[in-house]
Amino acid sequence: MTLNRNSYYVYVLISLKDKRFYVGYSRYLNQRLKQHSNGEVISTRNRRPLKLLHYECFINEQDAKAREVFLKSGFGRNQLKSALKRTLKFI
């Protein structure tokens, strides 16, 4: 996957341990995913293994932050579950 270093990424992980989502954002998606996998992120350390379900690319940091906040809200999580319902059947 080719990532643009001038972009911001909102990503959704699912814990294969507890089946719950983790939503975050980062400028360096590949590096951040490695940190999650290696247990370097406190909030997901005990929820490994994790799987990347979805990511979105933004050219503006404020837009990425706003999307992250939305996806963490009740309505956003419900919308995310609805959009990924076929994917979630296989997890």
PDB file of N, CA and C in Angstrom:
ATOM      1  N   MET A   1       0.854  -1.158   0.000  1.00  0.00           N
ATOM      2  CA  MET A   1       0.000   0.000   0.000  1.00  0.00           C
ATOM      3  C   MET A   1       0.903   1.226   0.000  1.00  0.00           C
ATOM      4  N   THR A   2       0.635   2.159  -0.869  1.00  0.00           N
ATOM      5  CA  THR A   2       1.406   3.392  -0.945  1.00  0.00           C
ATOM      6  C   THR A   2       0.667   4.468  -0.168  1.00  0.00           C
ATOM      7  N   LEU A   3       1.341   5.015   0.828  1.00  0.00           N
ATOM      8  CA  LEU A   3       0.731   6.034   1.667  1.00  0.00           C
ATOM      9  C   LEU A   3       1.406   7.370   1.423  1.00  0.00           C
ATOM     10  N   ASN A   4       0.602   8.406   1.388  1.00  0.00           N
ATOM     11  CA  ASN A   4       1.085   9.761   1.187  1.00  0.00           C
ATOM     12  C   ASN A   4       1.510  10.345   2.530  1.00  0.00           C
ATOM     13  N   ARG A   5       2.744  10.781   2.636  1.00  0.00           N
ATOM     14  CA  ARG A   5       3.256  11.303   3.905  1.00  0.00           C
ATOM     15  C   ARG A   5       2.648  12.661   4.283  1.00  0.00           C
ATOM     16  N   ASN A   6       1.930  13.288   3.379  1.00  0.00           N
ATOM     17  CA  ASN A   6       1.281  14.561   3.685  1.00  0.00           C
ATOM     18  C   ASN A   6      -0.179  14.367   4.052  1.00  0.00           C
ATOM     19  N   SER A   7      -0.551  13.147   4.361  1.00  0.00           N
ATOM     20  CA  SER A   7      -1.937  12.827   4.670  1.00  0.00           C
ATOM     21  C   SER A   7      -2.084  12.382   6.114  1.00  0.00           C
ATOM     22  N   TYR A   8      -3.325  12.340   6.549  1.00  0.00           N
ATOM     23  CA  TYR A   8      -3.689  11.870   7.881  1.00  0.00           C
ATOM     24  C   TYR A   8      -4.668  10.727   7.700  1.00  0.00           C
ATOM     25  N   TYR A   9      -4.499   9.690   8.492  1.00  0.00           N
ATOM     26  CA  TYR A   9      -5.294   8.482   8.329  1.00  0.00           C
ATOM     27  C   TYR A   9      -6.104   8.205   9.590  1.00  0.00           C
ATOM     28  N   VAL A  10      -7.390   7.981   9.389  1.00  0.00           N
ATOM     29  CA  VAL A  10      -8.260   7.502  10.452  1.00  0.00           C
ATOM     30  C   VAL A  10      -8.390   6.009  10.210  1.00  0.00           C
ATOM     31  N   TYR A  11      -8.193   5.226  11.257  1.00  0.00           N
ATOM     32  CA  TYR A  11      -8.202   3.780  11.070  1.00  0.00           C
ATOM     33  C   TYR A  11      -9.056   3.107  12.134  1.00  0.00           C
ATOM     34  N   VAL A  12      -9.556   1.938  11.775  1.00  0.00           N
ATOM     35  CA  VAL A  12     -10.387   1.155  12.679  1.00  0.00           C
ATOM     36  C   VAL A  12      -9.774  -0.225  12.797  1.00  0.00           C
ATOM     37  N   LEU A  13      -9.460  -0.595  14.019  1.00  0.00           N
ATOM     38  CA  LEU A  13      -8.954  -1.929  14.313  1.00  0.00           C
ATOM     39  C   LEU A  13     -10.043  -2.698  15.049  1.00  0.00           C
ATOM     40  N   ILE A  14     -10.001  -4.002  14.952  1.00  0.00           N
ATOM     41  CA  ILE A  14     -10.866  -4.832  15.784  1.00  0.00           C
ATOM     42  C   ILE A  14      -9.968  -5.770  16.574  1.00  0.00           C
ATOM     43  N   SER A  15     -10.297  -5.918  17.827  1.00  0.00           N
ATOM     44  CA  SER A  15      -9.578  -6.851  18.669  1.00  0.00           C
ATOM     45  C   SER A  15     -10.140  -8.242  18.413  1.00  0.00           C
ATOM     46  N   LEU A  16      -9.296  -9.170  18.045  1.00  0.00           N
ATOM     47  CA  LEU A  16      -9.737 -10.541  17.850  1.00  0.00           C
ATOM     48  C   LEU A  16      -9.949 -11.234  19.190  1.00  0.00           C
ATOM     49  N   LYS A  17      -9.504 -10.590  20.250  1.00  0.00           N
ATOM     50  CA  LYS A  17      -9.661 -11.116  21.606  1.00  0.00           C
ATOM     51  C   LYS A  17     -11.033 -10.774  22.183  1.00  0.00           C
ATOM     52  N   ASP A  18     -11.423  -9.489  22.093  1.00  0.00           N
ATOM     53  CA  ASP A  18     -12.693  -9.075  22.702  1.00  0.00           C
ATOM     54  C   ASP A  18     -13.736  -8.580  21.687  1.00  0.00           C
ATOM     55  N   LYS A  19     -13.379  -8.603  20.403  1.00  0.00           N
ATOM     56  CA  LYS A  19     -14.288  -8.229  19.299  1.00  0.00           C
ATOM     57  C   LYS A  19     -14.754  -6.783  19.368  1.00  0.00           C
ATOM     58  N   ARG A  20     -13.986  -5.915  20.016  1.00  0.00           N
ATOM     59  CA  ARG A  20     -14.347  -4.505  20.099  1.00  0.00           C
ATOM     60  C   ARG A  20     -13.461  -3.688  19.176  1.00  0.00           C
ATOM     61  N   PHE A  21     -14.008  -2.535  18.746  1.00  0.00           N
ATOM     62  CA  PHE A  21     -13.298  -1.636  17.860  1.00  0.00           C
ATOM     63  C   PHE A  21     -12.311  -0.761  18.624  1.00  0.00           C
ATOM     64  N   TYR A  22     -11.286  -0.342  17.915  1.00  0.00           N
ATOM     65  CA  TYR A  22     -10.404   0.730  18.350  1.00  0.00           C
ATOM     66  C   TYR A  22     -10.311   1.689  17.171  1.00  0.00           C
ATOM     67  N   VAL A  23     -10.595   2.955  17.394  1.00  0.00           N
ATOM     68  CA  VAL A  23     -10.533   3.977  16.346  1.00  0.00           C
ATOM     69  C   VAL A  23      -9.419   4.944  16.712  1.00  0.00           C
ATOM     70  N   GLY A  24      -8.568   5.243  15.738  1.00  0.00           N
ATOM     71  CA  GLY A  24      -7.481   6.182  15.971  1.00  0.00           C
ATOM     72  C   GLY A  24      -7.147   6.939  14.700  1.00  0.00           C
ATOM     73  N   TYR A  25      -6.217   7.868  14.815  1.00  0.00           N
ATOM     74  CA  TYR A  25      -5.737   8.560  13.619  1.00  0.00           C
ATOM     75  C   TYR A  25      -4.247   8.771  13.749  1.00  0.00           C
ATOM     76  N   SER A  26      -3.591   8.830  12.604  1.00  0.00           N
ATOM     77  CA  SER A  26      -2.145   8.991  12.586  1.00  0.00           C
ATOM     78  C   SER A  26      -1.716   9.545  11.241  1.00  0.00           C
ATOM     79  N   ARG A  27      -0.593  10.197  11.252  1.00  0.00           N
ATOM     80  CA  ARG A  27      -0.011  10.668   9.998  1.00  0.00           C
ATOM     81  C   ARG A  27       0.779   9.543   9.321  1.00  0.00           C
ATOM     82  N   TYR A  28       1.262   8.620  10.118  1.00  0.00           N
ATOM     83  CA  TYR A  28       2.098   7.517   9.611  1.00  0.00           C
ATOM     84  C   TYR A  28       1.407   6.195   9.930  1.00  0.00           C
ATOM     85  N   LEU A  29       0.510   5.779   9.064  1.00  0.00           N
ATOM     86  CA  LEU A  29      -0.349   4.627   9.328  1.00  0.00           C
ATOM     87  C   LEU A  29       0.440   3.340   9.526  1.00  0.00           C
ATOM     88  N   ASN A  30       1.355   3.013   8.635  1.00  0.00           N
ATOM     89  CA  ASN A  30       2.098   1.757   8.764  1.00  0.00           C
ATOM     90  C   ASN A  30       2.864   1.682  10.080  1.00  0.00           C
ATOM     91  N   GLN A  31       3.512   2.765  10.447  1.00  0.00           N
ATOM     92  CA  GLN A  31       4.267   2.815  11.702  1.00  0.00           C
ATOM     93  C   GLN A  31       3.334   2.634  12.895  1.00  0.00           C
ATOM     94  N   ARG A  32       2.192   3.291  12.849  1.00  0.00           N
ATOM     95  CA  ARG A  32       1.239   3.197  13.965  1.00  0.00           C
ATOM     96  C   ARG A  32       0.687   1.782  14.097  1.00  0.00           C
ATOM     97  N   LEU A  33       0.406   1.137  12.974  1.00  0.00           N
ATOM     98  CA  LEU A  33      -0.103  -0.236  13.026  1.00  0.00           C
ATOM     99  C   LEU A  33       0.942  -1.182  13.621  1.00  0.00           C
ATOM    100  N   LYS A  34       2.197  -0.958  13.310  1.00  0.00           N
ATOM    101  CA  LYS A  34       3.270  -1.771  13.896  1.00  0.00           C
ATOM    102  C   LYS A  34       3.342  -1.562  15.407  1.00  0.00           C
ATOM    103  N   GLN A  35       3.155  -0.312  15.847  1.00  0.00           N
ATOM    104  CA  GLN A  35       3.160  -0.034  17.283  1.00  0.00           C
ATOM    105  C   GLN A  35       2.035  -0.792  17.982  1.00  0.00           C
ATOM    106  N   HIS A  36       0.854  -0.812  17.379  1.00  0.00           N
ATOM    107  CA  HIS A  36      -0.262  -1.577  17.945  1.00  0.00           C
ATOM    108  C   HIS A  36       0.092  -3.059  18.008  1.00  0.00           C
ATOM    109  N   SER A  37       0.612  -3.597  16.927  1.00  0.00           N
ATOM    110  CA  SER A  37       0.952  -5.027  16.861  1.00  0.00           C
ATOM    111  C   SER A  37       2.023  -5.416  17.867  1.00  0.00           C
ATOM    112  N   ASN A  38       2.964  -4.526  18.117  1.00  0.00           N
ATOM    113  CA  ASN A  38       4.070  -4.808  19.030  1.00  0.00           C
ATOM    114  C   ASN A  38       3.731  -4.551  20.498  1.00  0.00           C
ATOM    115  N   GLY A  39       2.497  -4.129  20.773  1.00  0.00           N
ATOM    116  CA  GLY A  39       2.100  -3.870  22.155  1.00  0.00           C
ATOM    117  C   GLY A  39       2.619  -2.566  22.709  1.00  0.00           C
ATOM    118  N   GLU A  40       2.987  -1.631  21.848  1.00  0.00           N
ATOM    119  CA  GLU A  40       3.540  -0.354  22.278  1.00  0.00           C
ATOM    120  C   GLU A  40       2.470   0.701  22.556  1.00  0.00           C
ATOM    121  N   VAL A  41       1.216   0.376  22.288  1.00  0.00           N
ATOM    122  CA  VAL A  41       0.105   1.311  22.526  1.00  0.00           C
ATOM    123  C   VAL A  41      -0.669   0.794  23.733  1.00  0.00           C
ATOM    124  N   ILE A  42      -0.675   1.576  24.800  1.00  0.00           N
ATOM    125  CA  ILE A  42      -1.261   1.138  26.065  1.00  0.00           C
ATOM    126  C   ILE A  42      -2.718   0.700  25.904  1.00  0.00           C
ATOM    127  N   SER A  43      -3.510   1.447  25.153  1.00  0.00           N
ATOM    128  CA  SER A  43      -4.939   1.161  25.067  1.00  0.00           C
ATOM    129  C   SER A  43      -5.267  -0.115  24.299  1.00  0.00           C
ATOM    130  N   THR A  44      -4.336  -0.636  23.519  1.00  0.00           N
ATOM    131  CA  THR A  44      -4.612  -1.880  22.790  1.00  0.00           C
ATOM    132  C   THR A  44      -3.681  -3.020  23.179  1.00  0.00           C
ATOM    133  N   ARG A  45      -2.738  -2.758  24.044  1.00  0.00           N
ATOM    134  CA  ARG A  45      -1.723  -3.766  24.411  1.00  0.00           C
ATOM    135  C   ARG A  45      -2.352  -5.084  24.858  1.00  0.00           C
ATOM    136  N   ASN A  46      -3.359  -5.029  25.720  1.00  0.00           N
ATOM    137  CA  ASN A  46      -3.975  -6.241  26.250  1.00  0.00           C
ATOM    138  C   ASN A  46      -5.137  -6.745  25.405  1.00  0.00           C
ATOM    139  N   ARG A  47      -5.348  -6.129  24.252  1.00  0.00           N
ATOM    140  CA  ARG A  47      -6.464  -6.517  23.382  1.00  0.00           C
ATOM    141  C   ARG A  47      -5.968  -7.191  22.109  1.00  0.00           C
ATOM    142  N   ARG A  48      -4.676  -7.469  22.025  1.00  0.00           N
ATOM    143  CA  ARG A  48      -4.105  -8.113  20.850  1.00  0.00           C
ATOM    144  C   ARG A  48      -4.509  -9.573  20.798  1.00  0.00           C
ATOM    145  N   PRO A  49      -4.583 -10.155  19.608  1.00  0.00           N
ATOM    146  CA  PRO A  49      -4.215  -9.601  18.305  1.00  0.00           C
ATOM    147  C   PRO A  49      -5.294  -8.664  17.764  1.00  0.00           C
ATOM    148  N   LEU A  50      -4.845  -7.766  16.905  1.00  0.00           N
ATOM    149  CA  LEU A  50      -5.707  -6.762  16.290  1.00  0.00           C
ATOM    150  C   LEU A  50      -5.687  -6.937  14.778  1.00  0.00           C
ATOM    151  N   LYS A  51      -6.775  -6.535  14.164  1.00  0.00           N
ATOM    152  CA  LYS A  51      -6.861  -6.606  12.702  1.00  0.00           C
ATOM    153  C   LYS A  51      -7.351  -5.258  12.180  1.00  0.00           C
ATOM    154  N   LEU A  52      -6.711  -4.770  11.127  1.00  0.00           N
ATOM    155  CA  LEU A  52      -7.153  -3.527  10.489  1.00  0.00           C
ATOM    156  C   LEU A  52      -8.415  -3.817   9.685  1.00  0.00           C
ATOM    157  N   LEU A  53      -9.495  -3.111  10.013  1.00  0.00           N
ATOM    158  CA  LEU A  53     -10.764  -3.289   9.302  1.00  0.00           C
ATOM    159  C   LEU A  53     -10.994  -2.236   8.233  1.00  0.00           C
ATOM    160  N   HIS A  54     -10.539  -1.021   8.509  1.00  0.00           N
ATOM    161  CA  HIS A  54     -10.934   0.105   7.658  1.00  0.00           C
ATOM    162  C   HIS A  54      -9.978   1.271   7.906  1.00  0.00           C
ATOM    163  N   TYR A  55      -9.700   2.022   6.867  1.00  0.00           N
ATOM    164  CA  TYR A  55      -8.987   3.285   7.056  1.00  0.00           C
ATOM    165  C   TYR A  55      -9.449   4.285   6.019  1.00  0.00           C
ATOM    166  N   GLU A  56      -9.311   5.551   6.356  1.00  0.00           N
ATOM    167  CA  GLU A  56      -9.686   6.662   5.485  1.00  0.00           C
ATOM    168  C   GLU A  56      -8.530   7.650   5.468  1.00  0.00           C
ATOM    169  N   CYS A  57      -8.347   8.309   4.351  1.00  0.00           N
ATOM    170  CA  CYS A  57      -7.248   9.248   4.166  1.00  0.00           C
ATOM    171  C   CYS A  57      -7.798  10.678   4.082  1.00  0.00           C
ATOM    172  N   PHE A  58      -7.136  11.592   4.785  1.00  0.00           N
ATOM    173  CA  PHE A  58      -7.519  13.005   4.776  1.00  0.00           C
ATOM    174  C   PHE A  58      -6.280  13.851   4.507  1.00  0.00           C
ATOM    175  N   ILE A  59      -6.471  14.962   3.827  1.00  0.00           N
ATOM    176  CA  ILE A  59      -5.349  15.869   3.594  1.00  0.00           C
ATOM    177  C   ILE A  59      -5.292  16.971   4.646  1.00  0.00           C
ATOM    178  N   ASN A  60      -6.301  17.010   5.510  1.00  0.00           N
ATOM    179  CA  ASN A  60      -6.373  18.035   6.548  1.00  0.00           C
ATOM    180  C   ASN A  60      -6.467  17.351   7.912  1.00  0.00           C
ATOM    181  N   GLU A  61      -5.598  17.722   8.832  1.00  0.00           N
ATOM    182  CA  GLU A  61      -5.567  17.085  10.146  1.00  0.00           C
ATOM    183  C   GLU A  61      -6.859  17.299  10.928  1.00  0.00           C
ATOM    184  N   GLN A  62      -7.421  18.491  10.856  1.00  0.00           N
ATOM    185  CA  GLN A  62      -8.658  18.762  11.596  1.00  0.00           C
ATOM    186  C   GLN A  62      -9.811  17.895  11.094  1.00  0.00           C
ATOM    187  N   ASP A  63      -9.862  17.647   9.787  1.00  0.00           N
ATOM    188  CA  ASP A  63     -10.892  16.763   9.238  1.00  0.00           C
ATOM    189  C   ASP A  63     -10.704  15.333   9.742  1.00  0.00           C
ATOM    190  N   ALA A  64      -9.462  14.887   9.815  1.00  0.00           N
ATOM    191  CA  ALA A  64      -9.176  13.539  10.318  1.00  0.00           C
ATOM    192  C   ALA A  64      -9.583  13.422  11.785  1.00  0.00           C
ATOM    193  N   LYS A  65      -9.243  14.419  12.585  1.00  0.00           N
ATOM    194  CA  LYS A  65      -9.610  14.401  14.001  1.00  0.00           C
ATOM    195  C   LYS A  65     -11.127  14.385  14.177  1.00  0.00           C
ATOM    196  N   ALA A  66     -11.809  15.187  13.374  1.00  0.00           N
ATOM    197  CA  ALA A  66     -13.273  15.241  13.463  1.00  0.00           C
ATOM    198  C   ALA A  66     -13.888  13.893  13.096  1.00  0.00           C
ATOM    199  N   ARG A  67     -13.343  13.236  12.087  1.00  0.00           N
ATOM    200  CA  ARG A  67     -13.860  11.921  11.686  1.00  0.00           C
ATOM    201  C   ARG A  67     -13.600  10.887  12.775  1.00  0.00           C
ATOM    202  N   GLU A  68     -12.423  10.951  13.393  1.00  0.00           N
ATOM    203  CA  GLU A  68     -12.113  10.032  14.490  1.00  0.00           C
ATOM    204  C   GLU A  68     -13.114  10.213  15.629  1.00  0.00           C
ATOM    205  N   VAL A  69     -13.366  11.457  16.014  1.00  0.00           N
ATOM    206  CA  VAL A  69     -14.317  11.741  17.087  1.00  0.00           C
ATOM    207  C   VAL A  69     -15.702  11.218  16.715  1.00  0.00           C
ATOM    208  N   PHE A  70     -16.116  11.432  15.463  1.00  0.00           N
ATOM    209  CA  PHE A  70     -17.426  10.949  15.030  1.00  0.00           C
ATOM    210  C   PHE A  70     -17.512   9.432  15.121  1.00  0.00           C
ATOM    211  N   LEU A  71     -16.488   8.736  14.622  1.00  0.00           N
ATOM    212  CA  LEU A  71     -16.523   7.266  14.636  1.00  0.00           C
ATOM    213  C   LEU A  71     -16.485   6.704  16.053  1.00  0.00           C
ATOM    214  N   LYS A  72     -15.979   7.464  17.005  1.00  0.00           N
ATOM    215  CA  LYS A  72     -15.969   7.034  18.400  1.00  0.00           C
ATOM    216  C   LYS A  72     -17.304   7.293  19.086  1.00  0.00           C
ATOM    217  N   SER A  73     -18.165   8.101  18.469  1.00  0.00           N
ATOM    218  CA  SER A  73     -19.472   8.395  19.055  1.00  0.00           C
ATOM    219  C   SER A  73     -20.406   7.201  18.843  1.00  0.00           C
ATOM    220  N   GLY A  74     -21.487   7.173  19.578  1.00  0.00           N
ATOM    221  CA  GLY A  74     -22.466   6.088  19.440  1.00  0.00           C
ATOM    222  C   GLY A  74     -23.014   5.982  18.028  1.00  0.00           C
ATOM    223  N   PHE A  75     -23.390   7.113  17.457  1.00  0.00           N
ATOM    224  CA  PHE A  75     -23.935   7.106  16.100  1.00  0.00           C
ATOM    225  C   PHE A  75     -22.878   6.671  15.094  1.00  0.00           C
ATOM    226  N   GLY A  76     -21.654   7.155  15.276  1.00  0.00           N
ATOM    227  CA  GLY A  76     -20.572   6.788  14.371  1.00  0.00           C
ATOM    228  C   GLY A  76     -20.250   5.308  14.427  1.00  0.00           C
ATOM    229  N   ARG A  77     -20.204   4.742  15.643  1.00  0.00           N
ATOM    230  CA  ARG A  77     -19.941   3.302  15.781  1.00  0.00           C
ATOM    231  C   ARG A  77     -21.042   2.477  15.125  1.00  0.00           C
ATOM    232  N   ASN A  78     -22.288   2.898  15.317  1.00  0.00           N
ATOM    233  CA  ASN A  78     -23.401   2.179  14.681  1.00  0.00           C
ATOM    234  C   ASN A  78     -23.297   2.250  13.165  1.00  0.00           C
ATOM    235  N   GLN A  79     -22.947   3.407  12.638  1.00  0.00           N
ATOM    236  CA  GLN A  79     -22.787   3.568  11.197  1.00  0.00           C
ATOM    237  C   GLN A  79     -21.641   2.694  10.685  1.00  0.00           C
ATOM    238  N   LEU A  80     -20.572   2.637  11.443  1.00  0.00           N
ATOM    239  CA  LEU A  80     -19.424   1.815  11.079  1.00  0.00           C
ATOM    240  C   LEU A  80     -19.795   0.334  11.073  1.00  0.00           C
ATOM    241  N   LYS A  81     -20.488  -0.112  12.093  1.00  0.00           N
ATOM    242  CA  LYS A  81     -20.930  -1.515  12.156  1.00  0.00           C
ATOM    243  C   LYS A  81     -21.836  -1.849  10.983  1.00  0.00           C
ATOM    244  N   SER A  82     -22.694  -0.929  10.617  1.00  0.00           N
ATOM    245  CA  SER A  82     -23.591  -1.147   9.492  1.00  0.00           C
ATOM    246  C   SER A  82     -22.819  -1.238   8.178  1.00  0.00           C
ATOM    247  N   ALA A  83     -21.854  -0.357   7.994  1.00  0.00           N
ATOM    248  CA  ALA A  83     -21.074  -0.347   6.757  1.00  0.00           C
ATOM    249  C   ALA A  83     -20.188  -1.584   6.633  1.00  0.00           C
ATOM    250  N   LEU A  84     -19.763  -2.138   7.758  1.00  0.00           N
ATOM    251  CA  LEU A  84     -18.841  -3.278   7.748  1.00  0.00           C
ATOM    252  C   LEU A  84     -19.526  -4.597   8.115  1.00  0.00           C
ATOM    253  N   LYS A  85     -20.851  -4.644   8.061  1.00  0.00           N
ATOM    254  CA  LYS A  85     -21.577  -5.821   8.553  1.00  0.00           C
ATOM    255  C   LYS A  85     -21.174  -7.113   7.848  1.00  0.00           C
ATOM    256  N   ARG A  86     -20.899  -7.065   6.553  1.00  0.00           N
ATOM    257  CA  ARG A  86     -20.495  -8.294   5.849  1.00  0.00           C
ATOM    258  C   ARG A  86     -19.083  -8.710   6.261  1.00  0.00           C
ATOM    259  N   THR A  87     -18.206  -7.752   6.436  1.00  0.00           N
ATOM    260  CA  THR A  87     -16.841  -8.044   6.891  1.00  0.00           C
ATOM    261  C   THR A  87     -16.855  -8.634   8.294  1.00  0.00           C
ATOM    262  N   LEU A  88     -17.685  -8.089   9.168  1.00  0.00           N
ATOM    263  CA  LEU A  88     -17.714  -8.530  10.561  1.00  0.00           C
ATOM    264  C   LEU A  88     -18.241  -9.949  10.711  1.00  0.00           C
ATOM    265  N   LYS A  89     -18.990 -10.437   9.741  1.00  0.00           N
ATOM    266  CA  LYS A  89     -19.490 -11.821   9.794  1.00  0.00           C
ATOM    267  C   LYS A  89     -18.367 -12.841   9.779  1.00  0.00           C
ATOM    268  N   PHE A  90     -17.223 -12.479   9.214  1.00  0.00           N
ATOM    269  CA  PHE A  90     -16.114 -13.413   9.048  1.00  0.00           C
ATOM    270  C   PHE A  90     -15.066 -13.289  10.148  1.00  0.00           C
ATOM    271  N   ILE A  91     -15.336 -12.452  11.135  1.00  0.00           N
ATOM    272  CA  ILE A  91     -14.346 -12.240  12.211  1.00  0.00           C
ATOM    273  C   ILE A  91     -14.822 -12.895  13.483  1.00  0.00           C
TER     274      ILE A  91
END
